[in-house]
Amino acid sequence: MIFKLNKESSLKSKSEIEKVFGFGKKVSNKYLSVYFLNSQSSSELPKRVAVTVGKKTHARAVERNKIKRLLRDCLRHSNEFEKFNSGSFIIMYHFKEVPTLSLLQENIKTLFLSLSKKKLS
């Protein structure tokens, strides 16, 4: 099943984003950082995702938007991301170069595998 990123699944509330940054678990590597906060009532809320790219590393909006589109596409097709039933996620890209799709897919796969291990412990 492909994850659909729509209005219900996008994380936009400033207070929710601050909660994820403040109380969530963080996993990162050279290219990406993932913040995860598990929902209190997992049956009611779906997965919520925010994708960010820094202005300091990518000054041009065209580059930032391209990276965000690539990240969302990787999330839609990630089997490791599908294993999470609910929760709030913030995915940050912080490398200076524009990535390829295959590079992002590998990094997202490894990050969500390590996040699922961290979630269990």
PDB file of N, CA and C in Angstrom:
ATOM      1  N   MET A   1       0.838  -1.187   0.000  1.00  0.00           N
ATOM      2  CA  MET A   1       0.000   0.000   0.000  1.00  0.00           C
ATOM      3  C   MET A   1       0.880   1.246   0.000  1.00  0.00           C
ATOM      4  N   ILE A   2       0.542   2.210  -0.825  1.00  0.00           N
ATOM      5  CA  ILE A   2       1.327   3.428  -0.942  1.00  0.00           C
ATOM      6  C   ILE A   2       0.759   4.468   0.005  1.00  0.00           C
ATOM      7  N   PHE A   3       1.651   5.074   0.793  1.00  0.00           N
ATOM      8  CA  PHE A   3       1.268   6.131   1.718  1.00  0.00           C
ATOM      9  C   PHE A   3       0.919   7.376   0.917  1.00  0.00           C
ATOM     10  N   LYS A   4      -0.227   7.979   1.206  1.00  0.00           N
ATOM     11  CA  LYS A   4      -0.647   9.190   0.510  1.00  0.00           C
ATOM     12  C   LYS A   4      -0.394  10.391   1.405  1.00  0.00           C
ATOM     13  N   LEU A   5       0.311  11.337   0.866  1.00  0.00           N
ATOM     14  CA  LEU A   5       0.624  12.555   1.606  1.00  0.00           C
ATOM     15  C   LEU A   5      -0.399  13.613   1.213  1.00  0.00           C
ATOM     16  N   ASN A   6      -1.417  13.801   2.054  1.00  0.00           N
ATOM     17  CA  ASN A   6      -2.470  14.767   1.774  1.00  0.00           C
ATOM     18  C   ASN A   6      -2.629  15.696   2.973  1.00  0.00           C
ATOM     19  N   LYS A   7      -3.705  16.460   3.009  1.00  0.00           N
ATOM     20  CA  LYS A   7      -3.897  17.426   4.099  1.00  0.00           C
ATOM     21  C   LYS A   7      -3.960  16.763   5.466  1.00  0.00           C
ATOM     22  N   GLU A   8      -4.613  15.598   5.545  1.00  0.00           N
ATOM     23  CA  GLU A   8      -4.746  14.925   6.831  1.00  0.00           C
ATOM     24  C   GLU A   8      -3.408  14.381   7.327  1.00  0.00           C
ATOM     25  N   SER A   9      -2.516  14.060   6.419  1.00  0.00           N
ATOM     26  CA  SER A   9      -1.259  13.441   6.826  1.00  0.00           C
ATOM     27  C   SER A   9      -0.089  14.414   6.864  1.00  0.00           C
ATOM     28  N   SER A  10      -0.312  15.688   6.580  1.00  0.00           N
ATOM     29  CA  SER A  10       0.792  16.638   6.666  1.00  0.00           C
ATOM     30  C   SER A  10       0.763  17.344   8.023  1.00  0.00           C
ATOM     31  N   LEU A  11       1.927  17.524   8.559  1.00  0.00           N
ATOM     32  CA  LEU A  11       2.112  18.132   9.882  1.00  0.00           C
ATOM     33  C   LEU A  11       2.372  19.615   9.687  1.00  0.00           C
ATOM     34  N   LYS A  12       1.420  20.465  10.076  1.00  0.00           N
ATOM     35  CA  LYS A  12       1.546  21.899   9.825  1.00  0.00           C
ATOM     36  C   LYS A  12       1.444  22.761  11.076  1.00  0.00           C
ATOM     37  N   SER A  13       0.859  22.250  12.129  1.00  0.00           N
ATOM     38  CA  SER A  13       0.638  23.022  13.330  1.00  0.00           C
ATOM     39  C   SER A  13       1.960  23.334  14.028  1.00  0.00           C
ATOM     40  N   LYS A  14       2.173  24.588  14.354  1.00  0.00           N
ATOM     41  CA  LYS A  14       3.418  25.007  14.999  1.00  0.00           C
ATOM     42  C   LYS A  14       3.587  24.322  16.357  1.00  0.00           C
ATOM     43  N   SER A  15       2.502  24.162  17.104  1.00  0.00           N
ATOM     44  CA  SER A  15       2.600  23.534  18.416  1.00  0.00           C
ATOM     45  C   SER A  15       2.956  22.049  18.292  1.00  0.00           C
ATOM     46  N   GLU A  16       2.391  21.369  17.299  1.00  0.00           N
ATOM     47  CA  GLU A  16       2.724  19.958  17.096  1.00  0.00           C
ATOM     48  C   GLU A  16       4.172  19.792  16.656  1.00  0.00           C
ATOM     49  N   ILE A  17       4.641  20.674  15.801  1.00  0.00           N
ATOM     50  CA  ILE A  17       6.031  20.617  15.338  1.00  0.00           C
ATOM     51  C   ILE A  17       6.988  20.844  16.501  1.00  0.00           C
ATOM     52  N   GLU A  18       6.655  21.788  17.371  1.00  0.00           N
ATOM     53  CA  GLU A  18       7.500  22.033  18.547  1.00  0.00           C
ATOM     54  C   GLU A  18       7.506  20.829  19.489  1.00  0.00           C
ATOM     55  N   LYS A  19       6.367  20.142  19.622  1.00  0.00           N
ATOM     56  CA  LYS A  19       6.315  18.928  20.443  1.00  0.00           C
ATOM     57  C   LYS A  19       7.229  17.847  19.886  1.00  0.00           C
ATOM     58  N   VAL A  20       7.200  17.678  18.568  1.00  0.00           N
ATOM     59  CA  VAL A  20       8.037  16.650  17.946  1.00  0.00           C
ATOM     60  C   VAL A  20       9.513  16.973  18.150  1.00  0.00           C
ATOM     61  N   PHE A  21       9.891  18.231  17.959  1.00  0.00           N
ATOM     62  CA  PHE A  21      11.285  18.622  18.176  1.00  0.00           C
ATOM     63  C   PHE A  21      11.678  18.502  19.644  1.00  0.00           C
ATOM     64  N   GLY A  22      10.767  18.838  20.550  1.00  0.00           N
ATOM     65  CA  GLY A  22      11.090  18.841  21.973  1.00  0.00           C
ATOM     66  C   GLY A  22      11.103  17.468  22.618  1.00  0.00           C
ATOM     67  N   PHE A  23      10.117  16.641  22.294  1.00  0.00           N
ATOM     68  CA  PHE A  23       9.955  15.365  22.992  1.00  0.00           C
ATOM     69  C   PHE A  23      10.199  14.136  22.121  1.00  0.00           C
ATOM     70  N   GLY A  24      10.419  14.332  20.834  1.00  0.00           N
ATOM     71  CA  GLY A  24      10.559  13.203  19.920  1.00  0.00           C
ATOM     72  C   GLY A  24      11.946  12.588  19.924  1.00  0.00           C
ATOM     73  N   LYS A  25      12.021  11.387  19.363  1.00  0.00           N
ATOM     74  CA  LYS A  25      13.301  10.699  19.194  1.00  0.00           C
ATOM     75  C   LYS A  25      13.926  11.160  17.888  1.00  0.00           C
ATOM     76  N   LYS A  26      15.262  11.268  17.876  1.00  0.00           N
ATOM     77  CA  LYS A  26      15.963  11.741  16.692  1.00  0.00           C
ATOM     78  C   LYS A  26      16.932  10.678  16.201  1.00  0.00           C
ATOM     79  N   VAL A  27      16.911  10.460  14.892  1.00  0.00           N
ATOM     80  CA  VAL A  27      17.869   9.588  14.232  1.00  0.00           C
ATOM     81  C   VAL A  27      18.406  10.378  13.044  1.00  0.00           C
ATOM     82  N   SER A  28      19.730  10.383  12.856  1.00  0.00           N
ATOM     83  CA  SER A  28      20.274  11.163  11.754  1.00  0.00           C
ATOM     84  C   SER A  28      21.489  10.478  11.145  1.00  0.00           C
ATOM     85  N   ASN A  29      21.822  10.900   9.943  1.00  0.00           N
ATOM     86  CA  ASN A  29      23.038  10.488   9.267  1.00  0.00           C
ATOM     87  C   ASN A  29      23.605  11.690   8.524  1.00  0.00           C
ATOM     88  N   LYS A  30      24.452  11.450   7.556  1.00  0.00           N
ATOM     89  CA  LYS A  30      25.121  12.541   6.850  1.00  0.00           C
ATOM     90  C   LYS A  30      24.142  13.432   6.097  1.00  0.00           C
ATOM     91  N   TYR A  31      23.071  12.877   5.569  1.00  0.00           N
ATOM     92  CA  TYR A  31      22.163  13.619   4.712  1.00  0.00           C
ATOM     93  C   TYR A  31      20.857  14.030   5.376  1.00  0.00           C
ATOM     94  N   LEU A  32      20.312  13.170   6.217  1.00  0.00           N
ATOM     95  CA  LEU A  32      18.964  13.373   6.739  1.00  0.00           C
ATOM     96  C   LEU A  32      18.916  13.269   8.257  1.00  0.00           C
ATOM     97  N   SER A  33      17.893  13.897   8.823  1.00  0.00           N
ATOM     98  CA  SER A  33      17.535  13.708  10.226  1.00  0.00           C
ATOM     99  C   SER A  33      16.040  13.429  10.279  1.00  0.00           C
ATOM    100  N   VAL A  34      15.658  12.482  11.125  1.00  0.00           N
ATOM    101  CA  VAL A  34      14.248  12.148  11.302  1.00  0.00           C
ATOM    102  C   VAL A  34      13.919  12.300  12.775  1.00  0.00           C
ATOM    103  N   TYR A  35      12.893  13.099  13.059  1.00  0.00           N
ATOM    104  CA  TYR A  35      12.363  13.248  14.405  1.00  0.00           C
ATOM    105  C   TYR A  35      11.036  12.504  14.437  1.00  0.00           C
ATOM    106  N   PHE A  36      10.811  11.725  15.504  1.00  0.00           N
ATOM    107  CA  PHE A  36       9.603  10.916  15.606  1.00  0.00           C
ATOM    108  C   PHE A  36       8.994  11.052  16.986  1.00  0.00           C
ATOM    109  N   LEU A  37       7.686  11.302  17.031  1.00  0.00           N
ATOM    110  CA  LEU A  37       6.939  11.337  18.276  1.00  0.00           C
ATOM    111  C   LEU A  37       5.724  10.447  18.108  1.00  0.00           C
ATOM    112  N   ASN A  38       5.605   9.438  18.970  1.00  0.00           N
ATOM    113  CA  ASN A  38       4.500   8.495  18.890  1.00  0.00           C
ATOM    114  C   ASN A  38       3.224   9.153  19.402  1.00  0.00           C
ATOM    115  N   SER A  39       2.100   8.852  18.772  1.00  0.00           N
ATOM    116  CA  SER A  39       0.808   9.422  19.172  1.00  0.00           C
ATOM    117  C   SER A  39       0.302   8.754  20.435  1.00  0.00           C
ATOM    118  N   GLN A  40      -0.436   9.519  21.250  1.00  0.00           N
ATOM    119  CA  GLN A  40      -1.023   8.957  22.459  1.00  0.00           C
ATOM    120  C   GLN A  40      -2.171   8.024  22.110  1.00  0.00           C
ATOM    121  N   SER A  41      -3.053   8.444  21.233  1.00  0.00           N
ATOM    122  CA  SER A  41      -4.171   7.595  20.808  1.00  0.00           C
ATOM    123  C   SER A  41      -3.910   7.180  19.360  1.00  0.00           C
ATOM    124  N   SER A  42      -3.256   6.046  19.195  1.00  0.00           N
ATOM    125  CA  SER A  42      -2.796   5.640  17.869  1.00  0.00           C
ATOM    126  C   SER A  42      -3.932   5.237  16.933  1.00  0.00           C
ATOM    127  N   SER A  43      -5.078   4.865  17.468  1.00  0.00           N
ATOM    128  CA  SER A  43      -6.156   4.409  16.591  1.00  0.00           C
ATOM    129  C   SER A  43      -6.846   5.577  15.880  1.00  0.00           C
ATOM    130  N   GLU A  44      -6.849   6.754  16.477  1.00  0.00           N
ATOM    131  CA  GLU A  44      -7.578   7.878  15.895  1.00  0.00           C
ATOM    132  C   GLU A  44      -6.748   8.675  14.901  1.00  0.00           C
ATOM    133  N   LEU A  45      -5.476   8.931  15.211  1.00  0.00           N
ATOM    134  CA  LEU A  45      -4.667   9.808  14.378  1.00  0.00           C
ATOM    135  C   LEU A  45      -3.839   9.023  13.368  1.00  0.00           C
ATOM    136  N   PRO A  46      -3.783   9.494  12.123  1.00  0.00           N
ATOM    137  CA  PRO A  46      -2.923   8.840  11.144  1.00  0.00           C
ATOM    138  C   PRO A  46      -1.472   9.315  11.293  1.00  0.00           C
ATOM    139  N   LYS A  47      -0.620   8.800  10.449  1.00  0.00           N
ATOM    140  CA  LYS A  47       0.751   9.291  10.419  1.00  0.00           C
ATOM    141  C   LYS A  47       0.733  10.717   9.898  1.00  0.00           C
ATOM    142  N   ARG A  48       1.539  11.565  10.527  1.00  0.00           N
ATOM    143  CA  ARG A  48       1.626  12.955  10.092  1.00  0.00           C
ATOM    144  C   ARG A  48       3.086  13.269   9.810  1.00  0.00           C
ATOM    145  N   VAL A  49       3.345  13.918   8.681  1.00  0.00           N
ATOM    146  CA  VAL A  49       4.709  14.117   8.207  1.00  0.00           C
ATOM    147  C   VAL A  49       4.939  15.571   7.815  1.00  0.00           C
ATOM    148  N   ALA A  50       6.124  16.069   8.168  1.00  0.00           N
ATOM    149  CA  ALA A  50       6.602  17.359   7.682  1.00  0.00           C
ATOM    150  C   ALA A  50       7.981  17.137   7.079  1.00  0.00           C
ATOM    151  N   VAL A  51       8.223  17.755   5.932  1.00  0.00           N
ATOM    152  CA  VAL A  51       9.498  17.637   5.242  1.00  0.00           C
ATOM    153  C   VAL A  51      10.103  19.029   5.165  1.00  0.00           C
ATOM    154  N   THR A  52      11.368  19.167   5.612  1.00  0.00           N
ATOM    155  CA  THR A  52      11.999  20.482   5.606  1.00  0.00           C
ATOM    156  C   THR A  52      13.383  20.424   4.964  1.00  0.00           C
ATOM    157  N   VAL A  53      13.737  21.537   4.349  1.00  0.00           N
ATOM    158  CA  VAL A  53      15.066  21.738   3.776  1.00  0.00           C
ATOM    159  C   VAL A  53      15.491  23.147   4.177  1.00  0.00           C
ATOM    160  N   GLY A  54      16.699  23.281   4.697  1.00  0.00           N
ATOM    161  CA  GLY A  54      17.155  24.569   5.211  1.00  0.00           C
ATOM    162  C   GLY A  54      17.460  25.597   4.131  1.00  0.00           C
ATOM    163  N   LYS A  55      17.151  26.851   4.426  1.00  0.00           N
ATOM    164  CA  LYS A  55      17.441  27.947   3.506  1.00  0.00           C
ATOM    165  C   LYS A  55      18.931  28.257   3.430  1.00  0.00           C
ATOM    166  N   LYS A  56      19.646  28.005   4.510  1.00  0.00           N
ATOM    167  CA  LYS A  56      21.075  28.311   4.498  1.00  0.00           C
ATOM    168  C   LYS A  56      21.854  27.364   3.601  1.00  0.00           C
ATOM    169  N   THR A  57      21.433  26.110   3.540  1.00  0.00           N
ATOM    170  CA  THR A  57      22.141  25.160   2.688  1.00  0.00           C
ATOM    171  C   THR A  57      21.669  25.228   1.239  1.00  0.00           C
ATOM    172  N   HIS A  58      20.396  25.585   1.021  1.00  0.00           N
ATOM    173  CA  HIS A  58      19.839  25.692  -0.329  1.00  0.00           C
ATOM    174  C   HIS A  58      19.075  27.001  -0.434  1.00  0.00           C
ATOM    175  N   ALA A  59      19.757  28.028  -0.916  1.00  0.00           N
ATOM    176  CA  ALA A  59      19.169  29.362  -0.956  1.00  0.00           C
ATOM    177  C   ALA A  59      18.056  29.476  -1.996  1.00  0.00           C
ATOM    178  N   ARG A  60      18.164  28.734  -3.085  1.00  0.00           N
ATOM    179  CA  ARG A  60      17.170  28.830  -4.148  1.00  0.00           C
ATOM    180  C   ARG A  60      15.951  27.957  -3.823  1.00  0.00           C
ATOM    181  N   ALA A  61      14.774  28.546  -3.928  1.00  0.00           N
ATOM    182  CA  ALA A  61      13.535  27.836  -3.630  1.00  0.00           C
ATOM    183  C   ALA A  61      13.305  26.670  -4.587  1.00  0.00           C
ATOM    184  N   VAL A  62      13.808  26.777  -5.804  1.00  0.00           N
ATOM    185  CA  VAL A  62      13.660  25.703  -6.777  1.00  0.00           C
ATOM    186  C   VAL A  62      14.337  24.434  -6.264  1.00  0.00           C
ATOM    187  N   GLU A  63      15.530  24.582  -5.699  1.00  0.00           N
ATOM    188  CA  GLU A  63      16.259  23.431  -5.157  1.00  0.00           C
ATOM    189  C   GLU A  63      15.547  22.854  -3.947  1.00  0.00           C
ATOM    190  N   ARG A  64      15.099  23.721  -3.047  1.00  0.00           N
ATOM    191  CA  ARG A  64      14.399  23.248  -1.848  1.00  0.00           C
ATOM    192  C   ARG A  64      13.141  22.473  -2.220  1.00  0.00           C
ATOM    193  N   ASN A  65      12.371  22.991  -3.151  1.00  0.00           N
ATOM    194  CA  ASN A  65      11.135  22.319  -3.557  1.00  0.00           C
ATOM    195  C   ASN A  65      11.417  20.993  -4.244  1.00  0.00           C
ATOM    196  N   LYS A  66      12.476  20.932  -5.044  1.00  0.00           N
ATOM    197  CA  LYS A  66      12.832  19.676  -5.706  1.00  0.00           C
ATOM    198  C   LYS A  66      13.206  18.613  -4.680  1.00  0.00           C
ATOM    199  N   ILE A  67      13.998  19.001  -3.683  1.00  0.00           N
ATOM    200  CA  ILE A  67      14.411  18.051  -2.642  1.00  0.00           C
ATOM    201  C   ILE A  67      13.203  17.578  -1.845  1.00  0.00           C
ATOM    202  N   LYS A  68      12.288  18.492  -1.533  1.00  0.00           N
ATOM    203  CA  LYS A  68      11.078  18.103  -0.804  1.00  0.00           C
ATOM    204  C   LYS A  68      10.231  17.128  -1.607  1.00  0.00           C
ATOM    205  N   ARG A  69      10.096  17.365  -2.911  1.00  0.00           N
ATOM    206  CA  ARG A  69       9.339  16.439  -3.758  1.00  0.00           C
ATOM    207  C   ARG A  69       9.990  15.062  -3.785  1.00  0.00           C
ATOM    208  N   LEU A  70      11.320  15.036  -3.882  1.00  0.00           N
ATOM    209  CA  LEU A  70      12.035  13.756  -3.872  1.00  0.00           C
ATOM    210  C   LEU A  70      11.837  13.019  -2.547  1.00  0.00           C
ATOM    211  N   LEU A  71      11.905  13.753  -1.437  1.00  0.00           N
ATOM    212  CA  LEU A  71      11.722  13.137  -0.125  1.00  0.00           C
ATOM    213  C   LEU A  71      10.316  12.571   0.034  1.00  0.00           C
ATOM    214  N   ARG A  72       9.315  13.312  -0.396  1.00  0.00           N
ATOM    215  CA  ARG A  72       7.939  12.826  -0.292  1.00  0.00           C
ATOM    216  C   ARG A  72       7.727  11.590  -1.150  1.00  0.00           C
ATOM    217  N   ASP A  73       8.338  11.574  -2.327  1.00  0.00           N
ATOM    218  CA  ASP A  73       8.223  10.412  -3.194  1.00  0.00           C
ATOM    219  C   ASP A  73       8.884   9.190  -2.558  1.00  0.00           C
ATOM    220  N   CYS A  74      10.025   9.392  -1.922  1.00  0.00           N
ATOM    221  CA  CYS A  74      10.691   8.288  -1.224  1.00  0.00           C
ATOM    222  C   CYS A  74       9.832   7.765  -0.078  1.00  0.00           C
ATOM    223  N   LEU A  75       9.166   8.665   0.626  1.00  0.00           N
ATOM    224  CA  LEU A  75       8.291   8.245   1.726  1.00  0.00           C
ATOM    225  C   LEU A  75       7.108   7.425   1.222  1.00  0.00           C
ATOM    226  N   ARG A  76       6.552   7.835   0.098  1.00  0.00           N
ATOM    227  CA  ARG A  76       5.399   7.122  -0.444  1.00  0.00           C
ATOM    228  C   ARG A  76       5.728   5.672  -0.768  1.00  0.00           C
ATOM    229  N   HIS A  77       6.957   5.421  -1.196  1.00  0.00           N
ATOM    230  CA  HIS A  77       7.337   4.085  -1.644  1.00  0.00           C
ATOM    231  C   HIS A  77       8.207   3.332  -0.647  1.00  0.00           C
ATOM    232  N   SER A  78       8.359   3.853   0.552  1.00  0.00           N
ATOM    233  CA  SER A  78       9.223   3.219   1.544  1.00  0.00           C
ATOM    234  C   SER A  78       8.460   2.152   2.331  1.00  0.00           C
ATOM    235  N   ASN A  79       8.962   0.933   2.300  1.00  0.00           N
ATOM    236  CA  ASN A  79       8.348  -0.158   3.063  1.00  0.00           C
ATOM    237  C   ASN A  79       8.611  -0.001   4.554  1.00  0.00           C
ATOM    238  N   GLU A  80       9.749   0.557   4.914  1.00  0.00           N
ATOM    239  CA  GLU A  80      10.086   0.744   6.326  1.00  0.00           C
ATOM    240  C   GLU A  80       9.179   1.792   6.966  1.00  0.00           C
ATOM    241  N   PHE A  81       8.810   2.822   6.202  1.00  0.00           N
ATOM    242  CA  PHE A  81       7.919   3.857   6.711  1.00  0.00           C
ATOM    243  C   PHE A  81       6.510   3.308   6.899  1.00  0.00           C
ATOM    244  N   GLU A  82       6.111   2.357   6.079  1.00  0.00           N
ATOM    245  CA  GLU A  82       4.782   1.757   6.173  1.00  0.00           C
ATOM    246  C   GLU A  82       4.589   0.982   7.477  1.00  0.00           C
ATOM    247  N   LYS A  83       5.675   0.534   8.091  1.00  0.00           N
ATOM    248  CA  LYS A  83       5.579  -0.254   9.323  1.00  0.00           C
ATOM    249  C   LYS A  83       5.087   0.582  10.498  1.00  0.00           C
ATOM    250  N   PHE A  84       5.216   1.884  10.408  1.00  0.00           N
ATOM    251  CA  PHE A  84       4.725   2.777  11.465  1.00  0.00           C
ATOM    252  C   PHE A  84       3.247   3.048  11.208  1.00  0.00           C
ATOM    253  N   ASN A  85       2.399   2.723  12.191  1.00  0.00           N
ATOM    254  CA  ASN A  85       0.957   2.907  12.029  1.00  0.00           C
ATOM    255  C   ASN A  85       0.521   4.336  12.289  1.00  0.00           C
ATOM    256  N   SER A  86       1.174   4.979  13.238  1.00  0.00           N
ATOM    257  CA  SER A  86       0.801   6.347  13.579  1.00  0.00           C
ATOM    258  C   SER A  86       2.020   7.061  14.119  1.00  0.00           C
ATOM    259  N   GLY A  87       1.852   8.348  14.392  1.00  0.00           N
ATOM    260  CA  GLY A  87       2.940   9.139  14.933  1.00  0.00           C
ATOM    261  C   GLY A  87       3.182  10.367  14.084  1.00  0.00           C
ATOM    262  N   SER A  88       4.032  11.257  14.605  1.00  0.00           N
ATOM    263  CA  SER A  88       4.390  12.478  13.899  1.00  0.00           C
ATOM    264  C   SER A  88       5.856  12.402  13.513  1.00  0.00           C
ATOM    265  N   PHE A  89       6.161  12.742  12.277  1.00  0.00           N
ATOM    266  CA  PHE A  89       7.511  12.669  11.748  1.00  0.00           C
ATOM    267  C   PHE A  89       7.917  14.014  11.164  1.00  0.00           C
ATOM    268  N   ILE A  90       9.155  14.402  11.403  1.00  0.00           N
ATOM    269  CA  ILE A  90       9.743  15.542  10.717  1.00  0.00           C
ATOM    270  C   ILE A  90      11.019  15.035  10.074  1.00  0.00           C
ATOM    271  N   ILE A  91      11.124  15.217   8.770  1.00  0.00           N
ATOM    272  CA  ILE A  91      12.286  14.756   8.023  1.00  0.00           C
ATOM    273  C   ILE A  91      13.004  15.983   7.498  1.00  0.00           C
ATOM    274  N   MET A  92      14.280  16.100   7.878  1.00  0.00           N
ATOM    275  CA  MET A  92      15.086  17.262   7.489  1.00  0.00           C
ATOM    276  C   MET A  92      16.240  16.819   6.597  1.00  0.00           C
ATOM    277  N   TYR A  93      16.424  17.519   5.505  1.00  0.00           N
ATOM    278  CA  TYR A  93      17.577  17.291   4.641  1.00  0.00           C
ATOM    279  C   TYR A  93      18.575  18.399   4.932  1.00  0.00           C
ATOM    280  N   HIS A  94      19.826  18.057   5.251  1.00  0.00           N
ATOM    281  CA  HIS A  94      20.783  19.089   5.640  1.00  0.00           C
ATOM    282  C   HIS A  94      22.129  18.982   4.943  1.00  0.00           C
ATOM    283  N   PHE A  95      22.191  18.290   3.808  1.00  0.00           N
ATOM    284  CA  PHE A  95      23.433  18.229   3.045  1.00  0.00           C
ATOM    285  C   PHE A  95      23.430  19.348   2.013  1.00  0.00           C
ATOM    286  N   LYS A  96      24.614  19.769   1.558  1.00  0.00           N
ATOM    287  CA  LYS A  96      24.699  20.952   0.700  1.00  0.00           C
ATOM    288  C   LYS A  96      24.361  20.703  -0.762  1.00  0.00           C
ATOM    289  N   GLU A  97      24.472  19.466  -1.242  1.00  0.00           N
ATOM    290  CA  GLU A  97      24.219  19.183  -2.649  1.00  0.00           C
ATOM    291  C   GLU A  97      22.807  18.633  -2.851  1.00  0.00           C
ATOM    292  N   VAL A  98      22.281  18.808  -4.061  1.00  0.00           N
ATOM    293  CA  VAL A  98      20.972  18.264  -4.398  1.00  0.00           C
ATOM    294  C   VAL A  98      21.134  16.758  -4.598  1.00  0.00           C
ATOM    295  N   PRO A  99      20.360  15.947  -3.880  1.00  0.00           N
ATOM    296  CA  PRO A  99      20.543  14.493  -3.925  1.00  0.00           C
ATOM    297  C   PRO A  99      19.857  13.838  -5.123  1.00  0.00           C
ATOM    298  N   THR A 100      20.224  12.591  -5.351  1.00  0.00           N
ATOM    299  CA  THR A 100      19.513  11.779  -6.330  1.00  0.00           C
ATOM    300  C   THR A 100      18.433  10.976  -5.607  1.00  0.00           C
ATOM    301  N   LEU A 101      17.508  10.450  -6.358  1.00  0.00           N
ATOM    302  CA  LEU A 101      16.415   9.677  -5.771  1.00  0.00           C
ATOM    303  C   LEU A 101      16.938   8.410  -5.097  1.00  0.00           C
ATOM    304  N   SER A 102      17.877   7.738  -5.730  1.00  0.00           N
ATOM    305  CA  SER A 102      18.396   6.493  -5.156  1.00  0.00           C
ATOM    306  C   SER A 102      19.149   6.742  -3.853  1.00  0.00           C
ATOM    307  N   LEU A 103      19.874   7.850  -3.772  1.00  0.00           N
ATOM    308  CA  LEU A 103      20.579   8.199  -2.536  1.00  0.00           C
ATOM    309  C   LEU A 103      19.602   8.436  -1.391  1.00  0.00           C
ATOM    310  N   LEU A 104      18.528   9.160  -1.672  1.00  0.00           N
ATOM    311  CA  LEU A 104      17.518   9.418  -0.644  1.00  0.00           C
ATOM    312  C   LEU A 104      16.801   8.135  -0.231  1.00  0.00           C
ATOM    313  N   GLN A 105      16.518   7.259  -1.171  1.00  0.00           N
ATOM    314  CA  GLN A 105      15.831   6.005  -0.842  1.00  0.00           C
ATOM    315  C   GLN A 105      16.678   5.155   0.096  1.00  0.00           C
ATOM    316  N   GLU A 106      17.973   5.070  -0.172  1.00  0.00           N
ATOM    317  CA  GLU A 106      18.866   4.300   0.703  1.00  0.00           C
ATOM    318  C   GLU A 106      18.910   4.893   2.101  1.00  0.00           C
ATOM    319  N   ASN A 107      19.052   6.216   2.179  1.00  0.00           N
ATOM    320  CA  ASN A 107      19.158   6.873   3.483  1.00  0.00           C
ATOM    321  C   ASN A 107      17.861   6.805   4.273  1.00  0.00           C
ATOM    322  N   ILE A 108      16.736   6.953   3.620  1.00  0.00           N
ATOM    323  CA  ILE A 108      15.456   6.857   4.315  1.00  0.00           C
ATOM    324  C   ILE A 108      15.254   5.443   4.834  1.00  0.00           C
ATOM    325  N   LYS A 109      15.632   4.458   4.034  1.00  0.00           N
ATOM    326  CA  LYS A 109      15.496   3.069   4.461  1.00  0.00           C
ATOM    327  C   LYS A 109      16.313   2.803   5.719  1.00  0.00           C
ATOM    328  N   THR A 110      17.569   3.226   5.744  1.00  0.00           N
ATOM    329  CA  THR A 110      18.414   2.978   6.909  1.00  0.00           C
ATOM    330  C   THR A 110      17.940   3.768   8.129  1.00  0.00           C
ATOM    331  N   LEU A 111      17.483   4.996   7.918  1.00  0.00           N
ATOM    332  CA  LEU A 111      17.014   5.797   9.050  1.00  0.00           C
ATOM    333  C   LEU A 111      15.756   5.211   9.682  1.00  0.00           C
ATOM    334  N   PHE A 112      14.810   4.768   8.877  1.00  0.00           N
ATOM    335  CA  PHE A 112      13.585   4.213   9.449  1.00  0.00           C
ATOM    336  C   PHE A 112      13.812   2.839  10.065  1.00  0.00           C
ATOM    337  N   LEU A 113      14.784   2.084   9.557  1.00  0.00           N
ATOM    338  CA  LEU A 113      15.145   0.826  10.217  1.00  0.00           C
ATOM    339  C   LEU A 113      15.733   1.089  11.597  1.00  0.00           C
ATOM    340  N   SER A 114      16.640   2.059  11.677  1.00  0.00           N
ATOM    341  CA  SER A 114      17.224   2.371  12.987  1.00  0.00           C
ATOM    342  C   SER A 114      16.206   3.029  13.913  1.00  0.00           C
ATOM    343  N   LEU A 115      15.274   3.781  13.361  1.00  0.00           N
ATOM    344  CA  LEU A 115      14.221   4.392  14.179  1.00  0.00           C
ATOM    345  C   LEU A 115      13.280   3.322  14.739  1.00  0.00           C
ATOM    346  N   SER A 116      12.980   2.310  13.949  1.00  0.00           N
ATOM    347  CA  SER A 116      12.104   1.256  14.456  1.00  0.00           C
ATOM    348  C   SER A 116      12.812   0.449  15.561  1.00  0.00           C
ATOM    349  N   LYS A 117      14.117   0.277  15.461  1.00  0.00           N
ATOM    350  CA  LYS A 117      14.866  -0.376  16.534  1.00  0.00           C
ATOM    351  C   LYS A 117      14.877   0.484  17.783  1.00  0.00           C
ATOM    352  N   LYS A 118      15.029   1.793  17.601  1.00  0.00           N
ATOM    353  CA  LYS A 118      15.052   2.717  18.733  1.00  0.00           C
ATOM    354  C   LYS A 118      13.675   2.810  19.389  1.00  0.00           C
ATOM    355  N   LYS A 119      12.629   2.692  18.580  1.00  0.00           N
ATOM    356  CA  LYS A 119      11.260   2.753  19.093  1.00  0.00           C
ATOM    357  C   LYS A 119      10.957   1.552  19.998  1.00  0.00           C
ATOM    358  N   LEU A 120      11.475   0.387  19.609  1.00  0.00           N
ATOM    359  CA  LEU A 120      11.230  -0.831  20.384  1.00  0.00           C
ATOM    360  C   LEU A 120      11.948  -0.818  21.725  1.00  0.00           C
ATOM    361  N   SER A 121      13.084  -0.143  21.794  1.00  0.00           N
ATOM    362  CA  SER A 121      13.821  -0.123  23.068  1.00  0.00           C
ATOM    363  C   SER A 121      13.434   1.016  23.963  1.00  0.00           C
TER     364      SER A 121
END
